[in-house]
PDB file of N, CA and C in Angstrom:
ATOM      1  N   UNK A   1      -7.739  -5.308 -16.924  1.00  0.00           N
ATOM      2  CA  UNK A   1      -6.769  -4.665 -16.063  1.00  0.00           C
ATOM      3  C   UNK A   1      -5.821  -5.744 -15.535  1.00  0.00           C
ATOM      4  N   UNK A   2      -4.559  -5.512 -15.669  1.00  0.00           N
ATOM      5  CA  UNK A   2      -3.567  -6.495 -15.269  1.00  0.00           C
ATOM      6  C   UNK A   2      -3.241  -6.345 -13.780  1.00  0.00           C
ATOM      7  N   UNK A   3      -2.539  -7.337 -13.256  1.00  0.00           N
ATOM      8  CA  UNK A   3      -2.153  -7.293 -11.848  1.00  0.00           C
ATOM      9  C   UNK A   3      -1.248  -6.107 -11.563  1.00  0.00           C
ATOM     10  N   UNK A   4      -0.362  -5.788 -12.504  1.00  0.00           N
ATOM     11  CA  UNK A   4       0.541  -4.655 -12.292  1.00  0.00           C
ATOM     12  C   UNK A   4      -0.224  -3.338 -12.208  1.00  0.00           C
ATOM     13  N   UNK A   5      -1.251  -3.187 -13.011  1.00  0.00           N
ATOM     14  CA  UNK A   5      -2.061  -1.967 -12.963  1.00  0.00           C
ATOM     15  C   UNK A   5      -2.857  -1.901 -11.658  1.00  0.00           C
ATOM     16  N   UNK A   6      -3.406  -3.033 -11.233  1.00  0.00           N
ATOM     17  CA  UNK A   6      -4.138  -3.078  -9.959  1.00  0.00           C
ATOM     18  C   UNK A   6      -3.194  -2.779  -8.804  1.00  0.00           C
ATOM     19  N   UNK A   7      -1.996  -3.341  -8.866  1.00  0.00           N
ATOM     20  CA  UNK A   7      -1.004  -3.104  -7.824  1.00  0.00           C
ATOM     21  C   UNK A   7      -0.649  -1.625  -7.737  1.00  0.00           C
ATOM     22  N   UNK A   8      -0.414  -1.013  -8.886  1.00  0.00           N
ATOM     23  CA  UNK A   8       0.000   0.383  -8.908  1.00  0.00           C
ATOM     24  C   UNK A   8      -1.144   1.313  -8.499  1.00  0.00           C
ATOM     25  N   UNK A   9      -2.383   0.962  -8.841  1.00  0.00           N
ATOM     26  CA  UNK A   9      -3.506   1.854  -8.587  1.00  0.00           C
ATOM     27  C   UNK A   9      -4.123   1.660  -7.203  1.00  0.00           C
ATOM     28  N   UNK A  10      -4.178   0.412  -6.692  1.00  0.00           N
ATOM     29  CA  UNK A  10      -4.900   0.143  -5.456  1.00  0.00           C
ATOM     30  C   UNK A  10      -4.044  -0.415  -4.324  1.00  0.00           C
ATOM     31  N   UNK A  11      -3.223  -1.420  -4.593  1.00  0.00           N
ATOM     32  CA  UNK A  11      -2.537  -2.135  -3.521  1.00  0.00           C
ATOM     33  C   UNK A  11      -1.429  -1.309  -2.872  1.00  0.00           C
ATOM     34  N   UNK A  12      -0.612  -0.663  -3.678  1.00  0.00           N
ATOM     35  CA  UNK A  12       0.494   0.122  -3.119  1.00  0.00           C
ATOM     36  C   UNK A  12      -0.015   1.323  -2.316  1.00  0.00           C
ATOM     37  N   UNK A  13      -0.953   2.130  -2.848  1.00  0.00           N
ATOM     38  CA  UNK A  13      -1.488   3.218  -2.010  1.00  0.00           C
ATOM     39  C   UNK A  13      -2.270   2.710  -0.806  1.00  0.00           C
ATOM     40  N   UNK A  14      -2.924   1.554  -0.944  1.00  0.00           N
ATOM     41  CA  UNK A  14      -3.651   0.990   0.191  1.00  0.00           C
ATOM     42  C   UNK A  14      -2.735   0.588   1.325  1.00  0.00           C
ATOM     43  N   UNK A  15      -1.580   0.035   0.981  1.00  0.00           N
ATOM     44  CA  UNK A  15      -0.625  -0.338   2.024  1.00  0.00           C
ATOM     45  C   UNK A  15      -0.040   0.905   2.696  1.00  0.00           C
ATOM     46  N   UNK A  16       0.178   1.966   1.938  1.00  0.00           N
ATOM     47  CA  UNK A  16       0.662   3.215   2.531  1.00  0.00           C
ATOM     48  C   UNK A  16      -0.387   3.799   3.479  1.00  0.00           C
ATOM     49  N   UNK A  17      -1.643   3.748   3.061  1.00  0.00           N
ATOM     50  CA  UNK A  17      -2.729   4.249   3.901  1.00  0.00           C
ATOM     51  C   UNK A  17      -2.852   3.427   5.186  1.00  0.00           C
ATOM     52  N   UNK A  18      -2.678   2.115   5.089  1.00  0.00           N
ATOM     53  CA  UNK A  18      -2.741   1.264   6.270  1.00  0.00           C
ATOM     54  C   UNK A  18      -1.627   1.611   7.255  1.00  0.00           C
ATOM     55  N   UNK A  19      -0.433   1.892   6.749  1.00  0.00           N
ATOM     56  CA  UNK A  19       0.657   2.308   7.637  1.00  0.00           C
ATOM     57  C   UNK A  19       0.319   3.623   8.341  1.00  0.00           C
ATOM     58  N   UNK A  20      -0.229   4.577   7.617  1.00  0.00           N
ATOM     59  CA  UNK A  20      -0.585   5.871   8.199  1.00  0.00           C
ATOM     60  C   UNK A  20      -1.682   5.705   9.242  1.00  0.00           C
ATOM     61  N   UNK A  21      -2.699   4.907   8.934  1.00  0.00           N
ATOM     62  CA  UNK A  21      -3.778   4.672   9.896  1.00  0.00           C
ATOM     63  C   UNK A  21      -3.276   3.943  11.132  1.00  0.00           C
ATOM     64  N   UNK A  22      -2.302   3.042  10.971  1.00  0.00           N
ATOM     65  CA  UNK A  22      -1.728   2.358  12.116  1.00  0.00           C
ATOM     66  C   UNK A  22      -0.994   3.314  13.027  1.00  0.00           C
ATOM     67  N   UNK A  23      -0.270   4.257  12.451  1.00  0.00           N
ATOM     68  CA  UNK A  23       0.430   5.252  13.271  1.00  0.00           C
ATOM     69  C   UNK A  23      -0.566   6.146  13.984  1.00  0.00           C
ATOM     70  N   UNK A  24      -1.624   6.549  13.294  1.00  0.00           N
ATOM     71  CA  UNK A  24      -2.664   7.369  13.930  1.00  0.00           C
ATOM     72  C   UNK A  24      -3.338   6.590  15.045  1.00  0.00           C
ATOM     73  N   UNK A  25      -3.601   5.308  14.815  1.00  0.00           N
ATOM     74  CA  UNK A  25      -4.235   4.484  15.845  1.00  0.00           C
ATOM     75  C   UNK A  25      -3.340   4.348  17.074  1.00  0.00           C
ATOM     76  N   UNK A  26      -2.029   4.318  16.886  1.00  0.00           N
ATOM     77  CA  UNK A  26      -1.117   4.248  18.032  1.00  0.00           C
ATOM     78  C   UNK A  26      -1.106   5.543  18.836  1.00  0.00           C
ATOM     79  N   UNK A  27      -1.300   6.659  18.168  1.00  0.00           N
ATOM     80  CA  UNK A  27      -1.165   7.956  18.835  1.00  0.00           C
ATOM     81  C   UNK A  27      -2.449   8.444  19.502  1.00  0.00           C
ATOM     82  N   UNK A  28      -3.590   7.872  19.181  1.00  0.00           N
ATOM     83  CA  UNK A  28      -4.840   8.364  19.756  1.00  0.00           C
ATOM     84  C   UNK A  28      -5.087   7.718  21.118  1.00  0.00           C
ATOM     85  N   UNK A  29      -5.622   8.463  22.091  1.00  0.00           N
ATOM     86  CA  UNK A  29      -5.800   7.918  23.445  1.00  0.00           C
ATOM     87  C   UNK A  29      -7.229   7.464  23.774  1.00  0.00           C
ATOM     88  N   UNK A  30      -8.183   7.532  22.833  1.00  0.00           N
ATOM     89  CA  UNK A  30      -9.577   7.320  23.180  1.00  0.00           C
ATOM     90  C   UNK A  30     -10.049   5.889  23.044  1.00  0.00           C
ATOM     91  N   UNK A  31      -9.559   5.159  22.099  1.00  0.00           N
ATOM     92  CA  UNK A  31     -10.073   3.823  21.818  1.00  0.00           C
ATOM     93  C   UNK A  31      -8.964   2.802  22.081  1.00  0.00           C
ATOM     94  N   UNK A  32      -9.189   1.937  23.066  1.00  0.00           N
ATOM     95  CA  UNK A  32      -8.173   0.948  23.432  1.00  0.00           C
ATOM     96  C   UNK A  32      -7.983  -0.091  22.328  1.00  0.00           C
ATOM     97  N   UNK A  33      -9.051  -0.460  21.615  1.00  0.00           N
ATOM     98  CA  UNK A  33      -8.945  -1.436  20.532  1.00  0.00           C
ATOM     99  C   UNK A  33      -8.006  -0.933  19.442  1.00  0.00           C
ATOM    100  N   UNK A  34      -8.184   0.317  19.026  1.00  0.00           N
ATOM    101  CA  UNK A  34      -7.310   0.879  17.988  1.00  0.00           C
ATOM    102  C   UNK A  34      -5.872   0.985  18.484  1.00  0.00           C
ATOM    103  N   UNK A  35      -5.701   1.379  19.741  1.00  0.00           N
ATOM    104  CA  UNK A  35      -4.352   1.494  20.281  1.00  0.00           C
ATOM    105  C   UNK A  35      -3.677   0.131  20.383  1.00  0.00           C
ATOM    106  N   UNK A  36      -4.457  -0.882  20.716  1.00  0.00           N
ATOM    107  CA  UNK A  36      -3.902  -2.226  20.866  1.00  0.00           C
ATOM    108  C   UNK A  36      -3.431  -2.793  19.532  1.00  0.00           C
ATOM    109  N   UNK A  37      -4.166  -2.533  18.453  1.00  0.00           N
ATOM    110  CA  UNK A  37      -3.825  -3.110  17.153  1.00  0.00           C
ATOM    111  C   UNK A  37      -3.151  -2.124  16.206  1.00  0.00           C
ATOM    112  N   UNK A  38      -2.764  -0.958  16.696  1.00  0.00           N
ATOM    113  CA  UNK A  38      -2.095   0.037  15.854  1.00  0.00           C
ATOM    114  C   UNK A  38      -0.751  -0.440  15.339  1.00  0.00           C
ATOM    115  N   UNK A  39       0.025  -1.100  16.192  1.00  0.00           N
ATOM    116  CA  UNK A  39       1.328  -1.611  15.766  1.00  0.00           C
ATOM    117  C   UNK A  39       1.163  -2.728  14.735  1.00  0.00           C
ATOM    118  N   UNK A  40       0.164  -3.575  14.943  1.00  0.00           N
ATOM    119  CA  UNK A  40      -0.103  -4.644  13.978  1.00  0.00           C
ATOM    120  C   UNK A  40      -0.493  -4.064  12.623  1.00  0.00           C
ATOM    121  N   UNK A  41      -1.336  -3.036  12.629  1.00  0.00           N
ATOM    122  CA  UNK A  41      -1.729  -2.395  11.373  1.00  0.00           C
ATOM    123  C   UNK A  41      -0.520  -1.785  10.673  1.00  0.00           C
ATOM    124  N   UNK A  42       0.346  -1.142  11.433  1.00  0.00           N
ATOM    125  CA  UNK A  42       1.540  -0.528  10.849  1.00  0.00           C
ATOM    126  C   UNK A  42       2.460  -1.579  10.251  1.00  0.00           C
ATOM    127  N   UNK A  43       2.670  -2.674  10.971  1.00  0.00           N
ATOM    128  CA  UNK A  43       3.553  -3.730  10.467  1.00  0.00           C
ATOM    129  C   UNK A  43       2.987  -4.425   9.232  1.00  0.00           C
ATOM    130  N   UNK A  44       1.690  -4.688   9.222  1.00  0.00           N
ATOM    131  CA  UNK A  44       1.065  -5.315   8.044  1.00  0.00           C
ATOM    132  C   UNK A  44       1.165  -4.375   6.846  1.00  0.00           C
ATOM    133  N   UNK A  45       0.927  -3.087   7.061  1.00  0.00           N
ATOM    134  CA  UNK A  45       1.070  -2.112   5.981  1.00  0.00           C
ATOM    135  C   UNK A  45       2.494  -2.028   5.475  1.00  0.00           C
ATOM    136  N   UNK A  46       3.467  -2.104   6.395  1.00  0.00           N
ATOM    137  CA  UNK A  46       4.873  -2.050   5.999  1.00  0.00           C
ATOM    138  C   UNK A  46       5.266  -3.267   5.170  1.00  0.00           C
ATOM    139  N   UNK A  47       4.860  -4.449   5.611  1.00  0.00           N
ATOM    140  CA  UNK A  47       5.176  -5.669   4.858  1.00  0.00           C
ATOM    141  C   UNK A  47       4.485  -5.656   3.502  1.00  0.00           C
ATOM    142  N   UNK A  48       3.227  -5.215   3.471  1.00  0.00           N
ATOM    143  CA  UNK A  48       2.509  -5.137   2.194  1.00  0.00           C
ATOM    144  C   UNK A  48       3.172  -4.139   1.253  1.00  0.00           C
ATOM    145  N   UNK A  49       3.630  -3.011   1.794  1.00  0.00           N
ATOM    146  CA  UNK A  49       4.302  -2.022   0.952  1.00  0.00           C
ATOM    147  C   UNK A  49       5.623  -2.559   0.423  1.00  0.00           C
ATOM    148  N   UNK A  50       6.348  -3.289   1.254  1.00  0.00           N
ATOM    149  CA  UNK A  50       7.619  -3.855   0.799  1.00  0.00           C
ATOM    150  C   UNK A  50       7.395  -4.844  -0.348  1.00  0.00           C
ATOM    151  N   UNK A  51       6.310  -5.582  -0.305  1.00  0.00           N
ATOM    152  CA  UNK A  51       6.008  -6.543  -1.369  1.00  0.00           C
ATOM    153  C   UNK A  51       5.511  -5.824  -2.614  1.00  0.00           C
ATOM    154  N   UNK A  52       4.550  -4.911  -2.444  1.00  0.00           N
ATOM    155  CA  UNK A  52       3.950  -4.260  -3.613  1.00  0.00           C
ATOM    156  C   UNK A  52       4.899  -3.291  -4.296  1.00  0.00           C
ATOM    157  N   UNK A  53       5.866  -2.755  -3.574  1.00  0.00           N
ATOM    158  CA  UNK A  53       6.790  -1.825  -4.212  1.00  0.00           C
ATOM    159  C   UNK A  53       7.821  -2.539  -5.086  1.00  0.00           C
ATOM    160  N   UNK A  54       7.954  -3.841  -4.943  1.00  0.00           N
ATOM    161  CA  UNK A  54       8.893  -4.609  -5.767  1.00  0.00           C
ATOM    162  C   UNK A  54       8.317  -4.967  -7.141  1.00  0.00           C
ATOM    163  N   UNK A  55       7.003  -4.855  -7.302  1.00  0.00           N
ATOM    164  CA  UNK A  55       6.371  -5.167  -8.590  1.00  0.00           C
ATOM    165  C   UNK A  55       6.560  -3.963  -9.508  1.00  0.00           C
ATOM    166  N   UNK A  56       7.232  -4.147 -10.639  1.00  0.00           N
ATOM    167  CA  UNK A  56       7.460  -2.999 -11.525  1.00  0.00           C
ATOM    168  C   UNK A  56       6.157  -2.580 -12.221  1.00  0.00           C
ATOM    169  N   UNK A  57       6.020  -1.288 -12.532  1.00  0.00           N
ATOM    170  CA  UNK A  57       4.806  -0.831 -13.230  1.00  0.00           C
ATOM    171  C   UNK A  57       4.765  -1.351 -14.665  1.00  0.00           C
ATOM    172  N   UNK A  58       3.577  -1.255 -15.255  1.00  0.00           N
ATOM    173  CA  UNK A  58       3.428  -1.678 -16.647  1.00  0.00           C
ATOM    174  C   UNK A  58       4.278  -0.797 -17.545  1.00  0.00           C
ATOM    175  N   UNK A  59       4.872  -1.411 -18.549  1.00  0.00           N
ATOM    176  CA  UNK A  59       5.631  -0.636 -19.517  1.00  0.00           C
ATOM    177  C   UNK A  59       4.690  -0.185 -20.614  1.00  0.00           C
ATOM    178  N   UNK A  60       4.758   1.093 -20.906  1.00  0.00           N
ATOM    179  CA  UNK A  60       3.909   1.640 -21.959  1.00  0.00           C
ATOM    180  C   UNK A  60       4.558   1.370 -23.304  1.00  0.00           C
ATOM    181  N   UNK A  61       3.797   0.828 -24.221  1.00  0.00           N
ATOM    182  CA  UNK A  61       4.319   0.577 -25.562  1.00  0.00           C
ATOM    183  C   UNK A  61       4.026   1.790 -26.431  1.00  0.00           C
ATOM    184  N   UNK A  62       5.025   2.228 -27.154  1.00  0.00           N
ATOM    185  CA  UNK A  62       4.883   3.362 -28.039  1.00  0.00           C
ATOM    186  C   UNK A  62       4.488   2.837 -29.415  1.00  0.00           C
ATOM    187  N   UNK A  63       3.219   3.000 -29.751  1.00  0.00           N
ATOM    188  CA  UNK A  63       2.703   2.446 -30.997  1.00  0.00           C
ATOM    189  C   UNK A  63       3.173   3.230 -32.215  1.00  0.00           C
ATOM    190  N   UNK A  64       3.642   4.462 -32.021  1.00  0.00           N
ATOM    191  CA  UNK A  64       4.091   5.248 -33.165  1.00  0.00           C
ATOM    192  C   UNK A  64       5.429   4.749 -33.692  1.00  0.00           C
ATOM    193  N   UNK A  65       6.203   4.056 -32.873  1.00  0.00           N
ATOM    194  CA  UNK A  65       7.490   3.523 -33.330  1.00  0.00           C
ATOM    195  C   UNK A  65       7.321   2.271 -34.162  1.00  0.00           C
ATOM    196  N   UNK A  66       6.307   1.477 -33.853  1.00  0.00           N
ATOM    197  CA  UNK A  66       6.107   0.238 -34.592  1.00  0.00           C
ATOM    198  C   UNK A  66       5.359   0.518 -35.884  1.00  0.00           C
ATOM    199  N   UNK A  67       5.878   0.057 -37.012  1.00  0.00           N
ATOM    200  CA  UNK A  67       5.205   0.346 -38.307  1.00  0.00           C
ATOM    201  C   UNK A  67       3.965  -0.495 -38.490  1.00  0.00           C
TER     202      UNK A  67
END
């Protein structure tokens, strides 16, 4: 498995999930630890998404065209 495949399958969705969890952590009133680090989680997820979204996906080779 190449880095591009790992990026497309795990890293990019993971960074999106981290952003969503950070927003949820900011909005919940029960746990002070989650509320305190919710903005940090959102920012780390945003930076990770900005990096991982720049990696282009793997190009599929069409073997039927090559003789």
